[in-house]
Amino acid sequence: MLGTTNSPADNHTGHADHHHHDGDNDHGFIAVFFLLAALFICCGNAATLVAILRNHKLRTIPNIYIGSLAVADFMVGVMLLVQGISELQIVQKILDHQEQFCLARMSMLFVCLAASMLSYLLVACDRYVYIMQSLKYVNIVTKQRSLMFIVVAWMLACVYGTVPAYTSHFTPKEGCSPTHVFSDTYMIIVHPTFFLTLSAGTCWLYFRIVAVAIQQQKRIREQEFGVNQDLGGVRLSQRTWKVVKILMLVFGLFFLCWLPLLVLAFVEYTVHVDHLALDIASLIAVMNSGVNFLVLAAMKKDFRAEFRGMMCTCCGEVCCCCGSVKVHPAGVSTVGTSQWGSSAE
């Protein structure tokens, strides 16, 4: 998994001498890859947070949860940056034997994962309440309550990710990997149960939302005599459904990227799994942290305009590539009405 694992073959002097230069090249390549991936992940999620903070039209309740996800993904990027540095031979010889450094990295990974899972569940609950209790939504869900839920979620994530460190069994010989550091109970029972339970809850909420959307579409088609008021409802329904589809896509990609690592880590305790497979699954999982930025840029014109404004803005002026994006002296771009709708949406 994401980390370093010592192979018994490397302890043999002949093999170590024979593969010394190849090992240096491999670690150098891995370090460069991790550093570039970390740069991409950190920059993408930093751009998401800056876009939400500097444009008040993007400060909607769903975007508060998107911001929470961006924070978690940014932290994964920082962890990947540290991992890239630790892959350098001169650094690895020192850090591989540091128990506290290893536990901090592994705990940070699980804190970010838990925070992401809880944020996905919260945004699914938010959309569920918005659709099921649309008339009462404004009174039930507020930005203050949403922020409070996010703070509680991060507190739970910190507990979930750091508690296993107190019962760890780290040994330099085994290397720094969750399957070698955290307890079997945590990796075989607690973590899969947590991941699958929250995923099942999130999926159930989205299935209920999809069922309601299908029913609404049927009723709309039955109203052949629709008037202007009904057409307005159709536009609102389509906008809300688009938001839900984007959130479902983001969660689906997250689940698909992390599930292989969960399965391989579970199997590692029963049947030996090649560490190359674990490393590849780990990379797929952490690279998901850069996906949300791409999804928002591809599917949300308000975020896309904000990202383009940030890229093209120079000293308060807009480059020719920005087209119709306007940037005020304070650096806040005007992108029109947010596709999320009002702050409630």
Protein backbone atom coordinates (compact mmCIF):
# COMPACT_ATOMS: atom_id res chain seq x y z
CA MET A 1 0.00 0.00 0.00
CA LEU A 2 1.02 3.65 0.02
CA GLY A 3 4.24 3.50 1.97
CA THR A 4 7.42 1.51 1.90
CA THR A 5 7.80 -2.21 2.37
CA ASN A 6 11.07 -4.03 2.71
CA SER A 7 11.47 -7.16 0.65
CA PRO A 8 13.35 -10.14 2.17
CA ALA A 9 15.29 -10.46 -1.09
CA ASP A 10 16.77 -7.03 -0.58
CA ASN A 11 18.44 -8.27 2.59
CA HIS A 12 20.64 -10.62 0.56
CA THR A 13 23.93 -8.89 -0.15
CA GLY A 14 24.30 -10.21 -3.67
CA HIS A 15 20.87 -9.09 -4.74
CA ALA A 16 21.33 -5.73 -3.06
CA ASP A 17 24.58 -5.09 -4.92
CA HIS A 18 23.21 -6.34 -8.23
CA HIS A 19 20.11 -4.14 -8.12
CA HIS A 20 21.60 -1.13 -6.39
CA HIS A 21 21.58 1.24 -9.36
CA ASP A 22 18.22 -0.03 -10.67
CA GLY A 23 16.73 0.52 -7.23
CA ASP A 24 18.01 4.08 -7.14
CA ASN A 25 16.50 4.78 -10.56
CA ASP A 26 13.17 3.22 -9.57
CA HIS A 27 12.94 5.23 -6.36
CA GLY A 28 13.90 8.38 -8.24
CA PHE A 29 11.14 7.81 -10.79
CA ILE A 30 8.59 7.07 -8.07
CA ALA A 31 9.62 10.17 -6.15
CA VAL A 32 9.19 12.39 -9.22
CA PHE A 33 5.80 10.83 -10.00
CA PHE A 34 4.58 11.35 -6.43
CA LEU A 35 5.78 14.95 -6.40
CA LEU A 36 4.05 15.77 -9.70
CA ALA A 37 0.84 14.02 -8.59
CA ALA A 38 0.94 15.89 -5.29
CA LEU A 39 1.41 19.21 -7.10
CA PHE A 40 -1.60 18.49 -9.33
CA ILE A 41 -3.82 17.40 -6.42
CA CYS A 42 -2.86 20.31 -4.17
CA CYS A 43 -3.22 22.94 -6.90
CA GLY A 44 -6.57 21.59 -8.09
CA ASN A 45 -8.14 21.46 -4.64
CA ALA A 46 -6.61 24.78 -3.62
CA ALA A 47 -8.25 26.30 -6.71
CA THR A 48 -11.60 24.79 -5.66
CA LEU A 49 -11.33 26.30 -2.18
CA VAL A 50 -10.23 29.69 -3.50
CA ALA A 51 -13.12 29.72 -6.00
CA ILE A 52 -15.64 29.07 -3.22
CA LEU A 53 -14.10 31.60 -0.85
CA ARG A 54 -13.69 34.50 -3.25
CA ASN A 55 -17.04 34.22 -5.10
CA HIS A 56 -20.05 34.64 -2.83
CA LYS A 57 -22.34 33.06 -5.46
CA LEU A 58 -20.47 29.80 -5.01
CA ARG A 59 -20.89 29.80 -1.23
CA THR A 60 -23.95 27.57 -1.30
CA ILE A 61 -24.71 24.72 1.08
CA PRO A 62 -23.73 21.94 -1.37
CA ASN A 63 -20.50 23.81 -2.06
CA ILE A 64 -19.74 23.88 1.67
CA TYR A 65 -19.53 20.10 1.52
CA ILE A 66 -17.54 20.30 -1.72
CA GLY A 67 -15.14 22.55 0.18
CA SER A 68 -14.85 19.96 2.95
CA LEU A 69 -13.99 17.33 0.35
CA ALA A 70 -11.42 19.68 -1.18
CA VAL A 71 -9.74 20.12 2.21
CA ALA A 72 -9.52 16.33 2.65
CA ASP A 73 -8.19 15.89 -0.89
CA PHE A 74 -5.67 18.69 -0.39
CA MET A 75 -4.38 16.91 2.71
CA VAL A 76 -4.00 13.72 0.64
CA GLY A 77 -1.93 15.75 -1.80
CA VAL A 78 0.29 16.97 1.05
CA MET A 79 0.67 13.38 2.25
CA LEU A 80 1.63 12.33 -1.26
CA LEU A 81 4.19 15.13 -1.35
CA VAL A 82 5.73 13.81 1.87
CA GLN A 83 5.64 10.30 0.43
CA GLY A 84 7.48 11.50 -2.68
CA ILE A 85 10.19 13.11 -0.59
CA SER A 86 10.51 9.98 1.55
CA GLU A 87 11.09 7.90 -1.60
CA LEU A 88 14.43 9.64 -2.12
CA GLN A 89 17.13 7.19 -1.06
CA ILE A 90 18.98 9.57 1.25
CA VAL A 91 15.72 10.47 3.03
CA GLN A 92 14.20 6.98 3.01
CA LYS A 93 17.07 5.48 5.01
CA ILE A 94 16.25 7.89 7.82
CA LEU A 95 12.45 8.07 7.72
CA ASP A 96 11.77 4.34 7.22
CA HIS A 97 12.91 3.74 10.78
CA GLN A 98 10.92 6.59 12.32
CA GLU A 99 7.81 5.12 13.94
CA GLN A 100 6.14 8.45 14.68
CA PHE A 101 6.61 9.66 11.11
CA CYS A 102 5.10 6.46 9.74
CA LEU A 103 2.12 6.54 12.11
CA ALA A 104 1.47 10.20 11.31
CA ARG A 105 1.36 9.45 7.57
CA MET A 106 -0.93 6.45 7.94
CA SER A 107 -3.24 8.21 10.38
CA MET A 108 -3.48 11.23 8.09
CA LEU A 109 -4.52 8.96 5.22
CA PHE A 110 -7.35 7.41 7.24
CA VAL A 111 -8.45 10.78 8.64
CA CYS A 112 -8.78 12.14 5.09
CA LEU A 113 -10.64 9.02 3.95
CA ALA A 114 -13.08 9.19 6.87
CA ALA A 115 -13.65 12.93 6.39
CA SER A 116 -14.39 12.37 2.70
CA MET A 117 -16.81 9.54 3.43
CA LEU A 118 -18.68 11.58 6.04
CA SER A 119 -18.80 14.61 3.71
CA TYR A 120 -20.30 12.48 0.93
CA LEU A 121 -22.93 11.21 3.34
CA LEU A 122 -23.74 14.72 4.55
CA VAL A 123 -24.17 16.16 1.06
CA ALA A 124 -26.41 13.20 0.14
CA CYS A 125 -28.51 13.90 3.25
CA ASP A 126 -28.69 17.56 2.29
CA ARG A 127 -30.00 16.79 -1.21
CA TYR A 128 -32.41 14.21 0.20
CA VAL A 129 -33.92 16.73 2.63
CA TYR A 130 -34.02 19.38 -0.11
CA ILE A 131 -36.11 17.13 -2.36
CA MET A 132 -38.25 15.40 0.26
CA GLN A 133 -38.89 18.48 2.41
CA SER A 134 -38.50 21.28 -0.10
CA LEU A 135 -40.94 23.62 1.66
CA LYS A 136 -39.25 23.21 5.04
CA TYR A 137 -35.69 22.93 3.73
CA VAL A 138 -34.72 26.56 4.39
CA ASN A 139 -35.75 26.22 8.03
CA ILE A 140 -34.25 22.75 8.52
CA VAL A 141 -30.90 23.24 6.78
CA THR A 142 -28.84 26.39 7.22
CA LYS A 143 -25.22 27.24 6.47
CA GLN A 144 -24.48 27.45 10.19
CA ARG A 145 -25.85 23.96 10.80
CA SER A 146 -24.02 22.62 7.77
CA LEU A 147 -20.73 24.03 9.05
CA MET A 148 -21.44 22.50 12.45
CA PHE A 149 -22.05 19.09 10.82
CA ILE A 150 -18.76 19.40 8.94
CA VAL A 151 -16.85 20.25 12.12
CA VAL A 152 -18.38 17.22 13.87
CA ALA A 153 -17.55 15.05 10.85
CA TRP A 154 -13.90 16.13 10.94
CA MET A 155 -13.73 15.49 14.68
CA LEU A 156 -15.05 11.97 14.16
CA ALA A 157 -12.62 11.49 11.27
CA CYS A 158 -9.69 12.53 13.47
CA VAL A 159 -10.72 10.00 16.11
CA TYR A 160 -11.24 7.29 13.50
CA GLY A 161 -7.86 7.88 11.86
CA THR A 162 -5.68 8.41 14.94
CA VAL A 163 -6.97 5.83 17.44
CA PRO A 164 -5.41 2.87 15.53
CA ALA A 165 -1.99 4.48 15.95
CA TYR A 166 -2.14 3.82 19.68
CA THR A 167 -2.44 0.06 19.10
CA SER A 168 0.01 -0.16 16.20
CA HIS A 169 2.72 -2.77 15.82
CA PHE A 170 5.27 -0.90 13.74
CA THR A 171 8.60 -2.54 12.99
CA PRO A 172 11.21 -1.09 10.60
CA LYS A 173 11.69 -4.55 9.08
CA GLU A 174 8.09 -4.71 7.83
CA GLY A 175 8.04 -1.17 6.45
CA CYS A 176 5.44 1.60 6.68
CA SER A 177 2.10 0.36 5.38
CA PRO A 178 -1.36 0.19 7.03
CA THR A 179 -1.44 -3.60 6.64
CA HIS A 180 1.85 -3.82 8.56
CA VAL A 181 1.24 -1.05 11.08
CA PHE A 182 -2.42 -1.06 12.13
CA SER A 183 -4.04 -3.95 13.98
CA ASP A 184 -5.71 -6.83 12.16
CA THR A 185 -9.05 -6.04 13.82
CA TYR A 186 -9.00 -2.49 12.52
CA MET A 187 -8.02 -3.41 8.97
CA ILE A 188 -10.23 -6.53 8.63
CA ILE A 189 -13.35 -5.53 10.59
CA VAL A 190 -13.51 -1.86 11.60
CA HIS A 191 -12.33 -0.18 8.40
CA PRO A 192 -14.31 -2.31 5.87
CA THR A 193 -17.44 -1.96 8.04
CA PHE A 194 -17.02 1.81 8.24
CA PHE A 195 -16.37 2.20 4.52
CA LEU A 196 -19.17 -0.09 3.33
CA THR A 197 -21.74 1.19 5.86
CA LEU A 198 -21.28 4.84 4.92
CA SER A 199 -21.18 3.93 1.22
CA ALA A 200 -24.41 1.94 1.54
CA GLY A 201 -26.09 4.84 3.35
CA THR A 202 -24.98 7.33 0.70
CA CYS A 203 -26.10 5.02 -2.13
CA TRP A 204 -29.50 4.49 -0.50
CA LEU A 205 -30.10 8.25 -0.25
CA TYR A 206 -29.21 8.76 -3.90
CA PHE A 207 -31.41 5.83 -4.96
CA ARG A 208 -34.31 7.44 -3.11
CA ILE A 209 -33.57 10.77 -4.82
CA VAL A 210 -33.48 9.06 -8.23
CA ALA A 211 -36.79 7.32 -7.50
CA VAL A 212 -38.41 10.65 -6.61
CA ALA A 213 -36.99 12.26 -9.74
CA ILE A 214 -38.42 9.47 -11.91
CA GLN A 215 -41.83 9.84 -10.28
CA GLN A 216 -41.77 13.59 -10.81
CA GLN A 217 -40.87 13.16 -14.47
CA LYS A 218 -43.79 10.76 -14.91
CA ARG A 219 -46.20 13.25 -13.36
CA ILE A 220 -44.83 16.02 -15.57
CA ARG A 221 -45.33 13.94 -18.71
CA GLU A 222 -48.90 13.19 -17.62
CA GLN A 223 -49.66 16.90 -17.39
CA GLU A 224 -49.98 17.51 -21.11
CA PHE A 225 -51.90 20.71 -20.48
CA GLY A 226 -48.96 22.25 -18.51
CA VAL A 227 -49.01 26.03 -18.04
CA ASN A 228 -46.17 28.47 -17.44
CA GLN A 229 -46.11 27.70 -13.73
CA ASP A 230 -45.61 24.01 -14.48
CA LEU A 231 -42.82 24.82 -16.93
CA GLY A 232 -41.07 26.77 -14.22
CA GLY A 233 -41.24 23.68 -12.01
CA VAL A 234 -39.70 21.65 -14.82
CA ARG A 235 -36.74 24.01 -15.05
CA LEU A 236 -36.19 23.86 -11.32
CA SER A 237 -36.42 20.06 -11.36
CA GLN A 238 -33.88 19.80 -14.17
CA ARG A 239 -31.45 22.10 -12.39
CA THR A 240 -31.74 20.18 -9.13
CA TRP A 241 -31.39 16.87 -10.96
CA LYS A 242 -28.20 18.11 -12.65
CA VAL A 243 -26.70 18.95 -9.27
CA VAL A 244 -27.58 15.49 -7.96
CA LYS A 245 -26.06 13.81 -11.03
CA ILE A 246 -22.77 15.64 -10.50
CA LEU A 247 -22.67 14.71 -6.82
CA MET A 248 -23.50 11.09 -7.68
CA LEU A 249 -20.70 11.04 -10.25
CA VAL A 250 -18.18 12.41 -7.75
CA PHE A 251 -19.18 9.84 -5.12
CA GLY A 252 -19.23 7.01 -7.67
CA LEU A 253 -15.69 7.78 -8.78
CA PHE A 254 -14.56 7.95 -5.17
CA PHE A 255 -16.13 4.56 -4.37
CA LEU A 256 -14.72 2.86 -7.47
CA CYS A 257 -11.22 4.24 -6.85
CA TRP A 258 -11.06 3.20 -3.19
CA LEU A 259 -12.88 -0.15 -3.35
CA PRO A 260 -10.02 -2.12 -5.02
CA LEU A 261 -7.60 -1.03 -2.28
CA LEU A 262 -10.10 -2.02 0.41
CA VAL A 263 -10.55 -5.47 -1.13
CA LEU A 264 -6.82 -6.07 -1.66
CA ALA A 265 -5.98 -4.93 1.86
CA PHE A 266 -8.60 -7.32 3.24
CA VAL A 267 -7.31 -10.22 1.14
CA GLU A 268 -3.74 -9.45 2.23
CA TYR A 269 -4.58 -10.87 5.66
CA THR A 270 -5.84 -14.19 4.28
CA VAL A 271 -4.03 -14.77 0.98
CA HIS A 272 -0.75 -13.05 0.16
CA VAL A 273 -1.17 -10.21 -2.35
CA ASP A 274 1.66 -8.98 -4.50
CA HIS A 275 2.82 -5.62 -3.17
CA LEU A 276 2.84 -4.22 -6.70
CA ALA A 277 -0.94 -4.73 -6.83
CA LEU A 278 -1.32 -2.96 -3.50
CA ASP A 279 0.86 -0.08 -4.68
CA ILE A 280 -1.14 0.33 -7.89
CA ALA A 281 -4.45 0.22 -6.00
CA SER A 282 -3.09 2.79 -3.55
CA LEU A 283 -2.09 5.14 -6.36
CA ILE A 284 -5.53 4.82 -7.97
CA ALA A 285 -7.13 5.62 -4.63
CA VAL A 286 -5.07 8.70 -3.83
CA MET A 287 -5.22 10.01 -7.41
CA ASN A 288 -8.98 10.21 -6.95
CA SER A 289 -8.25 13.27 -4.81
CA GLY A 290 -7.56 15.20 -8.03
CA VAL A 291 -10.75 14.07 -9.77
CA ASN A 292 -13.26 16.40 -8.12
CA PHE A 293 -11.48 19.46 -9.49
CA LEU A 294 -11.67 18.02 -13.02
CA VAL A 295 -15.36 17.09 -12.64
CA LEU A 296 -16.27 20.58 -11.43
CA ALA A 297 -14.26 22.18 -14.23
CA ALA A 298 -15.87 19.94 -16.86
CA MET A 299 -19.49 20.00 -15.70
CA LYS A 300 -20.02 23.29 -13.83
CA LYS A 301 -19.75 26.45 -15.87
CA ASP A 302 -19.62 28.66 -12.77
CA PHE A 303 -16.63 26.79 -11.35
CA ARG A 304 -15.08 26.56 -14.82
CA ALA A 305 -15.36 30.32 -15.29
CA GLU A 306 -13.86 30.91 -11.85
CA PHE A 307 -10.96 28.55 -12.55
CA ARG A 308 -10.33 30.21 -15.90
CA GLY A 309 -10.46 33.62 -14.27
CA MET A 310 -7.83 32.55 -11.75
CA MET A 311 -5.59 31.20 -14.51
CA CYS A 312 -5.93 34.22 -16.74
CA THR A 313 -5.93 37.00 -14.16
CA CYS A 314 -2.75 39.03 -13.92
CA CYS A 315 -2.53 42.12 -11.69
CA GLY A 316 -6.28 42.66 -11.85
CA GLU A 317 -6.38 42.48 -15.64
CA VAL A 318 -7.86 39.66 -17.68
CA CYS A 319 -5.90 37.96 -20.43
CA CYS A 320 -7.47 37.58 -23.85
CA CYS A 321 -8.06 33.87 -23.24
CA CYS A 322 -10.65 34.63 -20.56
CA GLY A 323 -13.27 35.77 -23.01
CA SER A 324 -16.26 37.24 -21.20
CA VAL A 325 -15.02 36.59 -17.67
CA LYS A 326 -14.76 39.84 -15.78
CA VAL A 327 -12.49 40.30 -12.82
CA HIS A 328 -13.00 43.03 -10.32
CA PRO A 329 -10.01 44.76 -8.73
CA ALA A 330 -10.48 42.59 -5.64
CA GLY A 331 -10.01 39.54 -7.83
CA VAL A 332 -13.61 38.32 -7.70
CA SER A 333 -14.89 37.13 -11.04
CA THR A 334 -18.43 37.66 -12.20
CA VAL A 335 -19.84 34.44 -13.57
CA GLY A 336 -23.55 34.94 -13.33
CA THR A 337 -26.03 32.90 -11.30
CA SER A 338 -24.55 29.77 -9.79
CA GLN A 339 -25.68 26.50 -11.30
CA TRP A 340 -26.31 25.24 -7.80
CA GLY A 341 -29.17 27.72 -7.70
CA SER A 342 -29.80 29.65 -4.52
CA SER A 343 -27.91 29.08 -1.31
CA ALA A 344 -30.51 26.47 -0.42
CA GLU A 345 -29.78 24.52 -3.56
